[in-house]
């Protein structure tokens, strides 16, 4: 039992964050796994989970659930870039139709502000 990986069941939040950071830099799953001395399947699952949920943090999140997923956010920004004259309301409607989940125009406006795309209101 000299290797502590065989004992620890969960990667702590800090380690998970470091792994995600390296993957975001474009490093390969296998090279990151080797560096941290863990199975590439674990890194791969963590990465997939991060891309889906937008967070590397496990378990209970406090606060309000997000109205949109990272994929929704990308879609919203894409819609806005395609047609600059579209209102937040229209983009919200398109996104809701595309994802099947209701998204408010306020959520859209916030996401576009984040992406540096939203003007006036």
PDB file of N, CA and C in Angstrom:
ATOM      1  N   UNK A   1       0.821  -1.209   0.000  1.00  0.00           N
ATOM      2  CA  UNK A   1       0.000   0.000   0.000  1.00  0.00           C
ATOM      3  C   UNK A   1       0.858   1.264   0.000  1.00  0.00           C
ATOM      4  N   UNK A   2       2.005   1.182  -0.624  1.00  0.00           N
ATOM      5  CA  UNK A   2       2.864   2.359  -0.642  1.00  0.00           C
ATOM      6  C   UNK A   2       2.287   3.427  -1.573  1.00  0.00           C
ATOM      7  N   UNK A   3       1.537   2.980  -2.581  1.00  0.00           N
ATOM      8  CA  UNK A   3       0.955   3.922  -3.531  1.00  0.00           C
ATOM      9  C   UNK A   3      -0.377   4.443  -2.997  1.00  0.00           C
ATOM     10  N   UNK A   4      -0.424   5.733  -2.673  1.00  0.00           N
ATOM     11  CA  UNK A   4      -1.630   6.256  -2.026  1.00  0.00           C
ATOM     12  C   UNK A   4      -2.848   6.294  -2.949  1.00  0.00           C
ATOM     13  N   UNK A   5      -2.648   6.204  -4.283  1.00  0.00           N
ATOM     14  CA  UNK A   5      -3.796   6.237  -5.198  1.00  0.00           C
ATOM     15  C   UNK A   5      -4.720   5.045  -4.982  1.00  0.00           C
ATOM     16  N   UNK A   6      -4.155   3.938  -4.516  1.00  0.00           N
ATOM     17  CA  UNK A   6      -4.986   2.747  -4.351  1.00  0.00           C
ATOM     18  C   UNK A   6      -5.929   2.891  -3.159  1.00  0.00           C
ATOM     19  N   UNK A   7      -5.642   3.849  -2.296  1.00  0.00           N
ATOM     20  CA  UNK A   7      -6.476   4.041  -1.121  1.00  0.00           C
ATOM     21  C   UNK A   7      -7.519   5.125  -1.363  1.00  0.00           C
ATOM     22  N   UNK A   8      -7.084   6.279  -1.912  1.00  0.00           N
ATOM     23  CA  UNK A   8      -7.978   7.411  -2.057  1.00  0.00           C
ATOM     24  C   UNK A   8      -9.040   7.133  -3.104  1.00  0.00           C
ATOM     25  N   UNK A   9     -10.286   7.355  -2.720  1.00  0.00           N
ATOM     26  CA  UNK A   9     -11.381   7.085  -3.642  1.00  0.00           C
ATOM     27  C   UNK A   9     -11.677   8.283  -4.541  1.00  0.00           C
ATOM     28  N   UNK A  10     -11.549   9.495  -3.980  1.00  0.00           N
ATOM     29  CA  UNK A  10     -11.936  10.687  -4.741  1.00  0.00           C
ATOM     30  C   UNK A  10     -10.763  11.633  -4.875  1.00  0.00           C
ATOM     31  N   UNK A  11     -10.682  12.277  -6.011  1.00  0.00           N
ATOM     32  CA  UNK A  11      -9.689  13.333  -6.175  1.00  0.00           C
ATOM     33  C   UNK A  11     -10.259  14.570  -5.490  1.00  0.00           C
ATOM     34  N   UNK A  12      -9.424  15.273  -4.742  1.00  0.00           N
ATOM     35  CA  UNK A  12      -9.957  16.481  -4.105  1.00  0.00           C
ATOM     36  C   UNK A  12     -10.196  17.559  -5.170  1.00  0.00           C
ATOM     37  N   UNK A  13     -10.973  18.550  -4.780  1.00  0.00           N
ATOM     38  CA  UNK A  13     -11.402  19.577  -5.738  1.00  0.00           C
ATOM     39  C   UNK A  13     -10.210  20.274  -6.387  1.00  0.00           C
ATOM     40  N   UNK A  14      -9.163  20.501  -5.594  1.00  0.00           N
ATOM     41  CA  UNK A  14      -7.992  21.196  -6.113  1.00  0.00           C
ATOM     42  C   UNK A  14      -7.322  20.387  -7.224  1.00  0.00           C
ATOM     43  N   UNK A  15      -7.143  19.092  -6.961  1.00  0.00           N
ATOM     44  CA  UNK A  15      -6.515  18.215  -7.959  1.00  0.00           C
ATOM     45  C   UNK A  15      -7.371  18.137  -9.216  1.00  0.00           C
ATOM     46  N   UNK A  16      -8.691  17.996  -9.028  1.00  0.00           N
ATOM     47  CA  UNK A  16      -9.582  17.945 -10.191  1.00  0.00           C
ATOM     48  C   UNK A  16      -9.439  19.216 -11.015  1.00  0.00           C
ATOM     49  N   UNK A  17      -9.353  20.356 -10.329  1.00  0.00           N
ATOM     50  CA  UNK A  17      -9.200  21.629 -11.024  1.00  0.00           C
ATOM     51  C   UNK A  17      -7.907  21.692 -11.816  1.00  0.00           C
ATOM     52  N   UNK A  18      -6.827  21.169 -11.236  1.00  0.00           N
ATOM     53  CA  UNK A  18      -5.532  21.175 -11.924  1.00  0.00           C
ATOM     54  C   UNK A  18      -5.586  20.288 -13.165  1.00  0.00           C
ATOM     55  N   UNK A  19      -6.250  19.135 -13.033  1.00  0.00           N
ATOM     56  CA  UNK A  19      -6.378  18.210 -14.172  1.00  0.00           C
ATOM     57  C   UNK A  19      -7.154  18.892 -15.301  1.00  0.00           C
ATOM     58  N   UNK A  20      -8.300  19.487 -14.959  1.00  0.00           N
ATOM     59  CA  UNK A  20      -9.120  20.174 -15.960  1.00  0.00           C
ATOM     60  C   UNK A  20      -8.315  21.286 -16.624  1.00  0.00           C
ATOM     61  N   UNK A  21      -7.561  22.026 -15.822  1.00  0.00           N
ATOM     62  CA  UNK A  21      -6.747  23.121 -16.349  1.00  0.00           C
ATOM     63  C   UNK A  21      -5.779  22.641 -17.414  1.00  0.00           C
ATOM     64  N   UNK A  22      -5.115  21.524 -17.138  1.00  0.00           N
ATOM     65  CA  UNK A  22      -4.146  20.986 -18.098  1.00  0.00           C
ATOM     66  C   UNK A  22      -4.851  20.516 -19.370  1.00  0.00           C
ATOM     67  N   UNK A  23      -6.025  19.901 -19.204  1.00  0.00           N
ATOM     68  CA  UNK A  23      -6.778  19.438 -20.373  1.00  0.00           C
ATOM     69  C   UNK A  23      -7.247  20.633 -21.207  1.00  0.00           C
ATOM     70  N   UNK A  24      -7.623  21.713 -20.523  1.00  0.00           N
ATOM     71  CA  UNK A  24      -8.066  22.913 -21.241  1.00  0.00           C
ATOM     72  C   UNK A  24      -6.920  23.532 -22.037  1.00  0.00           C
ATOM     73  N   UNK A  25      -5.690  23.320 -21.560  1.00  0.00           N
ATOM     74  CA  UNK A  25      -4.526  23.826 -22.291  1.00  0.00           C
ATOM     75  C   UNK A  25      -4.259  23.001 -23.539  1.00  0.00           C
ATOM     76  N   UNK A  26      -5.008  21.914 -23.688  1.00  0.00           N
ATOM     77  CA  UNK A  26      -4.847  21.089 -24.883  1.00  0.00           C
ATOM     78  C   UNK A  26      -3.971  19.867 -24.677  1.00  0.00           C
ATOM     79  N   UNK A  27      -3.628  19.585 -23.414  1.00  0.00           N
ATOM     80  CA  UNK A  27      -2.837  18.387 -23.134  1.00  0.00           C
ATOM     81  C   UNK A  27      -3.698  17.148 -23.369  1.00  0.00           C
ATOM     82  N   UNK A  28      -3.065  16.015 -23.661  1.00  0.00           N
ATOM     83  CA  UNK A  28      -3.835  14.796 -23.903  1.00  0.00           C
ATOM     84  C   UNK A  28      -4.232  14.152 -22.576  1.00  0.00           C
ATOM     85  N   UNK A  29      -5.341  13.417 -22.603  1.00  0.00           N
ATOM     86  CA  UNK A  29      -5.831  12.729 -21.410  1.00  0.00           C
ATOM     87  C   UNK A  29      -4.749  11.807 -20.843  1.00  0.00           C
ATOM     88  N   UNK A  30      -4.080  11.053 -21.729  1.00  0.00           N
ATOM     89  CA  UNK A  30      -3.074  10.093 -21.251  1.00  0.00           C
ATOM     90  C   UNK A  30      -1.878  10.779 -20.595  1.00  0.00           C
ATOM     91  N   UNK A  31      -1.424  11.897 -21.165  1.00  0.00           N
ATOM     92  CA  UNK A  31      -0.262  12.573 -20.573  1.00  0.00           C
ATOM     93  C   UNK A  31      -0.611  13.165 -19.206  1.00  0.00           C
ATOM     94  N   UNK A  32      -1.827  13.698 -19.086  1.00  0.00           N
ATOM     95  CA  UNK A  32      -2.259  14.257 -17.803  1.00  0.00           C
ATOM     96  C   UNK A  32      -2.412  13.138 -16.772  1.00  0.00           C
ATOM     97  N   UNK A  33      -3.002  12.019 -17.196  1.00  0.00           N
ATOM     98  CA  UNK A  33      -3.182  10.876 -16.296  1.00  0.00           C
ATOM     99  C   UNK A  33      -1.828  10.394 -15.778  1.00  0.00           C
ATOM    100  N   UNK A  34      -0.856  10.292 -16.681  1.00  0.00           N
ATOM    101  CA  UNK A  34       0.481   9.833 -16.299  1.00  0.00           C
ATOM    102  C   UNK A  34       1.108  10.801 -15.296  1.00  0.00           C
ATOM    103  N   UNK A  35       0.954  12.083 -15.542  1.00  0.00           N
ATOM    104  CA  UNK A  35       1.540  13.092 -14.655  1.00  0.00           C
ATOM    105  C   UNK A  35       0.985  12.982 -13.237  1.00  0.00           C
ATOM    106  N   UNK A  36      -0.320  12.720 -13.131  1.00  0.00           N
ATOM    107  CA  UNK A  36      -0.942  12.635 -11.813  1.00  0.00           C
ATOM    108  C   UNK A  36      -0.928  11.213 -11.253  1.00  0.00           C
ATOM    109  N   UNK A  37      -0.457  10.275 -12.055  1.00  0.00           N
ATOM    110  CA  UNK A  37      -0.387   8.891 -11.597  1.00  0.00           C
ATOM    111  C   UNK A  37      -1.749   8.258 -11.379  1.00  0.00           C
ATOM    112  N   UNK A  38      -2.697   8.590 -12.241  1.00  0.00           N
ATOM    113  CA  UNK A  38      -4.022   7.969 -12.138  1.00  0.00           C
ATOM    114  C   UNK A  38      -4.419   7.378 -13.484  1.00  0.00           C
ATOM    115  N   UNK A  39      -5.421   6.512 -13.466  1.00  0.00           N
ATOM    116  CA  UNK A  39      -5.852   5.844 -14.693  1.00  0.00           C
ATOM    117  C   UNK A  39      -6.436   6.865 -15.669  1.00  0.00           C
ATOM    118  N   UNK A  40      -6.138   6.671 -16.952  1.00  0.00           N
ATOM    119  CA  UNK A  40      -6.634   7.640 -17.940  1.00  0.00           C
ATOM    120  C   UNK A  40      -8.156   7.629 -18.009  1.00  0.00           C
ATOM    121  N   UNK A  41      -8.775   6.493 -17.636  1.00  0.00           N
ATOM    122  CA  UNK A  41     -10.246   6.425 -17.658  1.00  0.00           C
ATOM    123  C   UNK A  41     -10.850   7.421 -16.661  1.00  0.00           C
ATOM    124  N   UNK A  42     -10.155   7.616 -15.543  1.00  0.00           N
ATOM    125  CA  UNK A  42     -10.638   8.558 -14.527  1.00  0.00           C
ATOM    126  C   UNK A  42     -10.548   9.985 -15.060  1.00  0.00           C
ATOM    127  N   UNK A  43      -9.404  10.309 -15.665  1.00  0.00           N
ATOM    128  CA  UNK A  43      -9.206  11.644 -16.237  1.00  0.00           C
ATOM    129  C   UNK A  43     -10.238  11.892 -17.333  1.00  0.00           C
ATOM    130  N   UNK A  44     -10.421  10.875 -18.161  1.00  0.00           N
ATOM    131  CA  UNK A  44     -11.353  10.976 -19.277  1.00  0.00           C
ATOM    132  C   UNK A  44     -12.777  11.230 -18.772  1.00  0.00           C
ATOM    133  N   UNK A  45     -13.170  10.511 -17.714  1.00  0.00           N
ATOM    134  CA  UNK A  45     -14.513  10.678 -17.168  1.00  0.00           C
ATOM    135  C   UNK A  45     -14.678  12.065 -16.544  1.00  0.00           C
ATOM    136  N   UNK A  46     -13.642  12.503 -15.830  1.00  0.00           N
ATOM    137  CA  UNK A  46     -13.668  13.827 -15.214  1.00  0.00           C
ATOM    138  C   UNK A  46     -13.827  14.910 -16.282  1.00  0.00           C
ATOM    139  N   UNK A  47     -13.089  14.767 -17.374  1.00  0.00           N
ATOM    140  CA  UNK A  47     -13.113  15.729 -18.479  1.00  0.00           C
ATOM    141  C   UNK A  47     -14.487  15.762 -19.132  1.00  0.00           C
ATOM    142  N   UNK A  48     -15.051  14.557 -19.375  1.00  0.00           N
ATOM    143  CA  UNK A  48     -16.372  14.479 -20.005  1.00  0.00           C
ATOM    144  C   UNK A  48     -17.412  15.126 -19.090  1.00  0.00           C
ATOM    145  N   UNK A  49     -17.312  14.817 -17.797  1.00  0.00           N
ATOM    146  CA  UNK A  49     -18.252  15.371 -16.824  1.00  0.00           C
ATOM    147  C   UNK A  49     -18.130  16.891 -16.788  1.00  0.00           C
ATOM    148  N   UNK A  50     -16.900  17.381 -16.830  1.00  0.00           N
ATOM    149  CA  UNK A  50     -16.670  18.826 -16.805  1.00  0.00           C
ATOM    150  C   UNK A  50     -17.283  19.496 -18.030  1.00  0.00           C
ATOM    151  N   UNK A  51     -17.108  18.869 -19.202  1.00  0.00           N
ATOM    152  CA  UNK A  51     -17.643  19.458 -20.426  1.00  0.00           C
ATOM    153  C   UNK A  51     -19.168  19.457 -20.433  1.00  0.00           C
ATOM    154  N   UNK A  52     -19.753  18.471 -19.769  1.00  0.00           N
ATOM    155  CA  UNK A  52     -21.211  18.379 -19.714  1.00  0.00           C
ATOM    156  C   UNK A  52     -21.787  19.369 -18.706  1.00  0.00           C
ATOM    157  N   UNK A  53     -21.218  19.383 -17.495  1.00  0.00           N
ATOM    158  CA  UNK A  53     -21.812  20.166 -16.413  1.00  0.00           C
ATOM    159  C   UNK A  53     -21.186  21.538 -16.277  1.00  0.00           C
ATOM    160  N   UNK A  54     -19.994  21.721 -16.857  1.00  0.00           N
ATOM    161  CA  UNK A  54     -19.328  23.005 -16.748  1.00  0.00           C
ATOM    162  C   UNK A  54     -18.653  23.205 -15.409  1.00  0.00           C
ATOM    163  N   UNK A  55     -18.606  22.144 -14.592  1.00  0.00           N
ATOM    164  CA  UNK A  55     -17.936  22.267 -13.301  1.00  0.00           C
ATOM    165  C   UNK A  55     -17.216  20.979 -12.971  1.00  0.00           C
ATOM    166  N   UNK A  56     -16.117  21.102 -12.247  1.00  0.00           N
ATOM    167  CA  UNK A  56     -15.374  19.907 -11.861  1.00  0.00           C
ATOM    168  C   UNK A  56     -15.714  19.531 -10.425  1.00  0.00           C
ATOM    169  N   UNK A  57     -16.626  20.266  -9.820  1.00  0.00           N
ATOM    170  CA  UNK A  57     -16.949  20.035  -8.417  1.00  0.00           C
ATOM    171  C   UNK A  57     -18.029  18.968  -8.284  1.00  0.00           C
ATOM    172  N   UNK A  58     -17.774  18.008  -7.402  1.00  0.00           N
ATOM    173  CA  UNK A  58     -18.734  16.930  -7.223  1.00  0.00           C
ATOM    174  C   UNK A  58     -19.859  17.346  -6.288  1.00  0.00           C
ATOM    175  N   UNK A  59     -20.907  16.523  -6.331  1.00  0.00           N
ATOM    176  CA  UNK A  59     -21.892  16.534  -5.273  1.00  0.00           C
ATOM    177  C   UNK A  59     -22.752  17.770  -5.217  1.00  0.00           C
ATOM    178  N   UNK A  60     -23.039  18.209  -3.988  1.00  0.00           N
ATOM    179  CA  UNK A  60     -24.049  19.220  -3.769  1.00  0.00           C
ATOM    180  C   UNK A  60     -23.540  20.605  -4.125  1.00  0.00           C
ATOM    181  N   UNK A  61     -24.209  21.223  -5.050  1.00  0.00           N
ATOM    182  CA  UNK A  61     -23.854  22.602  -5.346  1.00  0.00           C
ATOM    183  C   UNK A  61     -24.809  23.466  -4.550  1.00  0.00           C
ATOM    184  N   UNK A  62     -24.296  24.544  -4.007  1.00  0.00           N
ATOM    185  CA  UNK A  62     -25.185  25.422  -3.264  1.00  0.00           C
ATOM    186  C   UNK A  62     -25.680  26.498  -4.215  1.00  0.00           C
ATOM    187  N   UNK A  63     -26.744  27.134  -3.838  1.00  0.00           N
ATOM    188  CA  UNK A  63     -27.251  28.222  -4.654  1.00  0.00           C
ATOM    189  C   UNK A  63     -28.193  27.733  -5.734  1.00  0.00           C
ATOM    190  N   UNK A  64     -28.531  28.663  -6.593  1.00  0.00           N
ATOM    191  CA  UNK A  64     -29.539  28.405  -7.604  1.00  0.00           C
ATOM    192  C   UNK A  64     -28.957  27.610  -8.758  1.00  0.00           C
ATOM    193  N   UNK A  65     -29.717  26.640  -9.286  1.00  0.00           N
ATOM    194  CA  UNK A  65     -29.210  25.920 -10.460  1.00  0.00           C
ATOM    195  C   UNK A  65     -29.147  26.862 -11.661  1.00  0.00           C
ATOM    196  N   UNK A  66     -28.163  26.656 -12.514  1.00  0.00           N
ATOM    197  CA  UNK A  66     -28.013  27.516 -13.691  1.00  0.00           C
ATOM    198  C   UNK A  66     -29.138  27.276 -14.682  1.00  0.00           C
ATOM    199  N   UNK A  67     -29.577  28.362 -15.316  1.00  0.00           N
ATOM    200  CA  UNK A  67     -30.648  28.242 -16.299  1.00  0.00           C
ATOM    201  C   UNK A  67     -30.181  27.638 -17.603  1.00  0.00           C
ATOM    202  N   UNK A  68     -28.868  27.657 -17.829  1.00  0.00           N
ATOM    203  CA  UNK A  68     -28.371  27.146 -19.102  1.00  0.00           C
ATOM    204  C   UNK A  68     -27.084  26.357 -18.900  1.00  0.00           C
ATOM    205  N   UNK A  69     -26.886  25.345 -19.713  1.00  0.00           N
ATOM    206  CA  UNK A  69     -25.661  24.547 -19.659  1.00  0.00           C
ATOM    207  C   UNK A  69     -24.593  25.239 -20.507  1.00  0.00           C
ATOM    208  N   UNK A  70     -23.323  24.835 -20.350  1.00  0.00           N
ATOM    209  CA  UNK A  70     -22.278  25.425 -21.195  1.00  0.00           C
ATOM    210  C   UNK A  70     -22.577  25.258 -22.688  1.00  0.00           C
ATOM    211  N   UNK A  71     -23.194  24.128 -23.042  1.00  0.00           N
ATOM    212  CA  UNK A  71     -23.559  23.901 -24.447  1.00  0.00           C
ATOM    213  C   UNK A  71     -24.613  24.924 -24.882  1.00  0.00           C
ATOM    214  N   UNK A  72     -25.590  25.174 -24.008  1.00  0.00           N
ATOM    215  CA  UNK A  72     -26.609  26.192 -24.298  1.00  0.00           C
ATOM    216  C   UNK A  72     -25.946  27.546 -24.504  1.00  0.00           C
ATOM    217  N   UNK A  73     -24.990  27.857 -23.620  1.00  0.00           N
ATOM    218  CA  UNK A  73     -24.312  29.153 -23.694  1.00  0.00           C
ATOM    219  C   UNK A  73     -23.632  29.321 -25.044  1.00  0.00           C
ATOM    220  N   UNK A  74     -22.955  28.252 -25.498  1.00  0.00           N
ATOM    221  CA  UNK A  74     -22.280  28.324 -26.797  1.00  0.00           C
ATOM    222  C   UNK A  74     -23.299  28.546 -27.908  1.00  0.00           C
ATOM    223  N   UNK A  75     -24.439  27.862 -27.794  1.00  0.00           N
ATOM    224  CA  UNK A  75     -25.489  27.987 -28.798  1.00  0.00           C
ATOM    225  C   UNK A  75     -26.028  29.420 -28.827  1.00  0.00           C
ATOM    226  N   UNK A  76     -26.233  29.980 -27.639  1.00  0.00           N
ATOM    227  CA  UNK A  76     -26.746  31.348 -27.516  1.00  0.00           C
ATOM    228  C   UNK A  76     -25.796  32.330 -28.199  1.00  0.00           C
ATOM    229  N   UNK A  77     -24.496  32.191 -27.912  1.00  0.00           N
ATOM    230  CA  UNK A  77     -23.498  33.093 -28.495  1.00  0.00           C
ATOM    231  C   UNK A  77     -23.448  32.917 -30.014  1.00  0.00           C
ATOM    232  N   UNK A  78     -23.547  31.655 -30.443  1.00  0.00           N
ATOM    233  CA  UNK A  78     -23.534  31.355 -31.876  1.00  0.00           C
ATOM    234  C   UNK A  78     -24.713  32.042 -32.571  1.00  0.00           C
ATOM    235  N   UNK A  79     -25.896  31.897 -31.973  1.00  0.00           N
ATOM    236  CA  UNK A  79     -27.102  32.527 -32.520  1.00  0.00           C
ATOM    237  C   UNK A  79     -26.907  34.038 -32.642  1.00  0.00           C
ATOM    238  N   UNK A  80     -26.363  34.632 -31.590  1.00  0.00           N
ATOM    239  CA  UNK A  80     -26.189  36.082 -31.558  1.00  0.00           C
ATOM    240  C   UNK A  80     -25.213  36.531 -32.639  1.00  0.00           C
ATOM    241  N   UNK A  81     -24.143  35.742 -32.846  1.00  0.00           N
ATOM    242  CA  UNK A  81     -23.150  36.108 -33.863  1.00  0.00           C
ATOM    243  C   UNK A  81     -23.738  35.984 -35.260  1.00  0.00           C
ATOM    244  N   UNK A  82     -24.559  34.943 -35.459  1.00  0.00           N
ATOM    245  CA  UNK A  82     -25.156  34.711 -36.780  1.00  0.00           C
ATOM    246  C   UNK A  82     -26.020  35.871 -37.208  1.00  0.00           C
ATOM    247  N   UNK A  83     -26.802  36.354 -36.259  1.00  0.00           N
ATOM    248  CA  UNK A  83     -27.721  37.427 -36.606  1.00  0.00           C
ATOM    249  C   UNK A  83     -27.691  38.487 -35.517  1.00  0.00           C
ATOM    250  N   UNK A  84     -26.916  39.522 -35.754  1.00  0.00           N
ATOM    251  CA  UNK A  84     -26.691  40.561 -34.745  1.00  0.00           C
ATOM    252  C   UNK A  84     -27.954  41.337 -34.395  1.00  0.00           C
ATOM    253  N   UNK A  85     -28.956  41.311 -35.297  1.00  0.00           N
ATOM    254  CA  UNK A  85     -30.146  42.101 -35.014  1.00  0.00           C
ATOM    255  C   UNK A  85     -31.179  41.361 -34.175  1.00  0.00           C
ATOM    256  N   UNK A  86     -30.908  40.109 -33.912  1.00  0.00           N
ATOM    257  CA  UNK A  86     -31.850  39.327 -33.113  1.00  0.00           C
ATOM    258  C   UNK A  86     -31.939  39.873 -31.692  1.00  0.00           C
ATOM    259  N   UNK A  87     -33.147  39.896 -31.143  1.00  0.00           N
ATOM    260  CA  UNK A  87     -33.286  40.332 -29.752  1.00  0.00           C
ATOM    261  C   UNK A  87     -32.999  39.146 -28.834  1.00  0.00           C
ATOM    262  N   UNK A  88     -32.739  39.456 -27.570  1.00  0.00           N
ATOM    263  CA  UNK A  88     -32.501  38.405 -26.577  1.00  0.00           C
ATOM    264  C   UNK A  88     -33.725  37.486 -26.513  1.00  0.00           C
ATOM    265  N   UNK A  89     -34.892  38.101 -26.629  1.00  0.00           N
ATOM    266  CA  UNK A  89     -36.146  37.343 -26.605  1.00  0.00           C
ATOM    267  C   UNK A  89     -36.176  36.293 -27.721  1.00  0.00           C
ATOM    268  N   UNK A  90     -35.787  36.706 -28.930  1.00  0.00           N
ATOM    269  CA  UNK A  90     -35.789  35.782 -30.080  1.00  0.00           C
ATOM    270  C   UNK A  90     -34.771  34.663 -29.883  1.00  0.00           C
ATOM    271  N   UNK A  91     -33.585  35.045 -29.415  1.00  0.00           N
ATOM    272  CA  UNK A  91     -32.548  34.035 -29.182  1.00  0.00           C
ATOM    273  C   UNK A  91     -33.026  33.044 -28.124  1.00  0.00           C
ATOM    274  N   UNK A  92     -33.670  33.558 -27.076  1.00  0.00           N
ATOM    275  CA  UNK A  92     -34.192  32.692 -26.011  1.00  0.00           C
ATOM    276  C   UNK A  92     -35.185  31.690 -26.592  1.00  0.00           C
ATOM    277  N   UNK A  93     -36.049  32.188 -27.487  1.00  0.00           N
ATOM    278  CA  UNK A  93     -37.050  31.313 -28.098  1.00  0.00           C
ATOM    279  C   UNK A  93     -36.380  30.222 -28.926  1.00  0.00           C
ATOM    280  N   UNK A  94     -35.394  30.613 -29.742  1.00  0.00           N
ATOM    281  CA  UNK A  94     -34.678  29.635 -30.575  1.00  0.00           C
ATOM    282  C   UNK A  94     -33.968  28.597 -29.717  1.00  0.00           C
ATOM    283  N   UNK A  95     -33.308  29.074 -28.660  1.00  0.00           N
ATOM    284  CA  UNK A  95     -32.551  28.173 -27.790  1.00  0.00           C
ATOM    285  C   UNK A  95     -33.493  27.193 -27.108  1.00  0.00           C
ATOM    286  N   UNK A  96     -34.633  27.699 -26.640  1.00  0.00           N
ATOM    287  CA  UNK A  96     -35.627  26.836 -25.999  1.00  0.00           C
ATOM    288  C   UNK A  96     -36.106  25.763 -26.973  1.00  0.00           C
ATOM    289  N   UNK A  97     -36.367  26.164 -28.225  1.00  0.00           N
ATOM    290  CA  UNK A  97     -36.802  25.191 -29.237  1.00  0.00           C
ATOM    291  C   UNK A  97     -35.708  24.164 -29.500  1.00  0.00           C
ATOM    292  N   UNK A  98     -34.464  24.630 -29.576  1.00  0.00           N
ATOM    293  CA  UNK A  98     -33.350  23.742 -29.916  1.00  0.00           C
ATOM    294  C   UNK A  98     -33.042  22.758 -28.792  1.00  0.00           C
ATOM    295  N   UNK A  99     -33.150  23.215 -27.537  1.00  0.00           N
ATOM    296  CA  UNK A  99     -32.741  22.361 -26.415  1.00  0.00           C
ATOM    297  C   UNK A  99     -33.919  21.675 -25.741  1.00  0.00           C
ATOM    298  N   UNK A 100     -35.122  22.206 -25.954  1.00  0.00           N
ATOM    299  CA  UNK A 100     -36.288  21.630 -25.288  1.00  0.00           C
ATOM    300  C   UNK A 100     -36.383  22.053 -23.828  1.00  0.00           C
ATOM    301  N   UNK A 101     -35.510  22.968 -23.409  1.00  0.00           N
ATOM    302  CA  UNK A 101     -35.592  23.489 -22.035  1.00  0.00           C
ATOM    303  C   UNK A 101     -35.857  24.984 -22.097  1.00  0.00           C
ATOM    304  N   UNK A 102     -36.776  25.460 -21.261  1.00  0.00           N
ATOM    305  CA  UNK A 102     -37.077  26.890 -21.294  1.00  0.00           C
ATOM    306  C   UNK A 102     -35.894  27.721 -20.804  1.00  0.00           C
ATOM    307  N   UNK A 103     -35.554  28.759 -21.551  1.00  0.00           N
ATOM    308  CA  UNK A 103     -34.473  29.663 -21.169  1.00  0.00           C
ATOM    309  C   UNK A 103     -35.000  31.075 -21.341  1.00  0.00           C
ATOM    310  N   UNK A 104     -34.860  31.885 -20.303  1.00  0.00           N
ATOM    311  CA  UNK A 104     -35.454  33.224 -20.359  1.00  0.00           C
ATOM    312  C   UNK A 104     -34.554  34.203 -21.103  1.00  0.00           C
ATOM    313  N   UNK A 105     -35.162  35.308 -21.555  1.00  0.00           N
ATOM    314  CA  UNK A 105     -34.373  36.298 -22.277  1.00  0.00           C
ATOM    315  C   UNK A 105     -33.355  36.944 -21.354  1.00  0.00           C
ATOM    316  N   UNK A 106     -33.634  36.927 -20.037  1.00  0.00           N
ATOM    317  CA  UNK A 106     -32.680  37.500 -19.083  1.00  0.00           C
ATOM    318  C   UNK A 106     -31.426  36.633 -19.010  1.00  0.00           C
ATOM    319  N   UNK A 107     -31.639  35.315 -19.033  1.00  0.00           N
ATOM    320  CA  UNK A 107     -30.500  34.392 -19.051  1.00  0.00           C
ATOM    321  C   UNK A 107     -29.663  34.654 -20.296  1.00  0.00           C
ATOM    322  N   UNK A 108     -30.339  34.781 -21.438  1.00  0.00           N
ATOM    323  CA  UNK A 108     -29.646  35.047 -22.702  1.00  0.00           C
ATOM    324  C   UNK A 108     -28.838  36.342 -22.596  1.00  0.00           C
ATOM    325  N   UNK A 109     -29.463  37.384 -22.080  1.00  0.00           N
ATOM    326  CA  UNK A 109     -28.777  38.676 -21.956  1.00  0.00           C
ATOM    327  C   UNK A 109     -27.531  38.535 -21.083  1.00  0.00           C
ATOM    328  N   UNK A 110     -27.655  37.811 -19.962  1.00  0.00           N
ATOM    329  CA  UNK A 110     -26.498  37.608 -19.073  1.00  0.00           C
ATOM    330  C   UNK A 110     -25.382  36.861 -19.781  1.00  0.00           C
ATOM    331  N   UNK A 111     -25.755  35.797 -20.512  1.00  0.00           N
ATOM    332  CA  UNK A 111     -24.733  35.007 -21.217  1.00  0.00           C
ATOM    333  C   UNK A 111     -24.031  35.844 -22.275  1.00  0.00           C
ATOM    334  N   UNK A 112     -24.790  36.686 -22.965  1.00  0.00           N
ATOM    335  CA  UNK A 112     -24.190  37.495 -24.019  1.00  0.00           C
ATOM    336  C   UNK A 112     -23.299  38.583 -23.436  1.00  0.00           C
ATOM    337  N   UNK A 113     -23.696  39.130 -22.296  1.00  0.00           N
ATOM    338  CA  UNK A 113     -22.825  40.084 -21.605  1.00  0.00           C
ATOM    339  C   UNK A 113     -21.508  39.400 -21.307  1.00  0.00           C
ATOM    340  N   UNK A 114     -21.605  38.154 -20.814  1.00  0.00           N
ATOM    341  CA  UNK A 114     -20.411  37.365 -20.505  1.00  0.00           C
ATOM    342  C   UNK A 114     -19.544  37.175 -21.732  1.00  0.00           C
ATOM    343  N   UNK A 115     -20.182  36.976 -22.887  1.00  0.00           N
ATOM    344  CA  UNK A 115     -19.438  36.774 -24.126  1.00  0.00           C
ATOM    345  C   UNK A 115     -19.080  38.084 -24.810  1.00  0.00           C
ATOM    346  N   UNK A 116     -19.391  39.201 -24.154  1.00  0.00           N
ATOM    347  CA  UNK A 116     -19.054  40.511 -24.692  1.00  0.00           C
ATOM    348  C   UNK A 116     -19.846  40.870 -25.935  1.00  0.00           C
ATOM    349  N   UNK A 117     -21.064  40.333 -26.039  1.00  0.00           N
ATOM    350  CA  UNK A 117     -21.808  40.518 -27.282  1.00  0.00           C
ATOM    351  C   UNK A 117     -23.041  41.392 -27.144  1.00  0.00           C
ATOM    352  N   UNK A 118     -23.455  41.622 -25.897  1.00  0.00           N
ATOM    353  CA  UNK A 118     -24.772  42.222 -25.748  1.00  0.00           C
ATOM    354  C   UNK A 118     -24.678  43.718 -25.533  1.00  0.00           C
ATOM    355  N   UNK A 119     -25.478  44.456 -26.290  1.00  0.00           N
ATOM    356  CA  UNK A 119     -25.459  45.913 -26.155  1.00  0.00           C
ATOM    357  C   UNK A 119     -26.482  46.385 -25.148  1.00  0.00           C
ATOM    358  N   UNK A 120     -26.929  47.583 -25.350  1.00  0.00           N
ATOM    359  CA  UNK A 120     -27.941  48.308 -24.581  1.00  0.00           C
ATOM    360  C   UNK A 120     -28.635  47.622 -23.429  1.00  0.00           C
ATOM    361  N   UNK A 121     -29.803  47.036 -23.690  1.00  0.00           N
ATOM    362  CA  UNK A 121     -30.650  46.580 -22.598  1.00  0.00           C
ATOM    363  C   UNK A 121     -30.220  45.216 -22.119  1.00  0.00           C
TER     364      UNK A 121
END
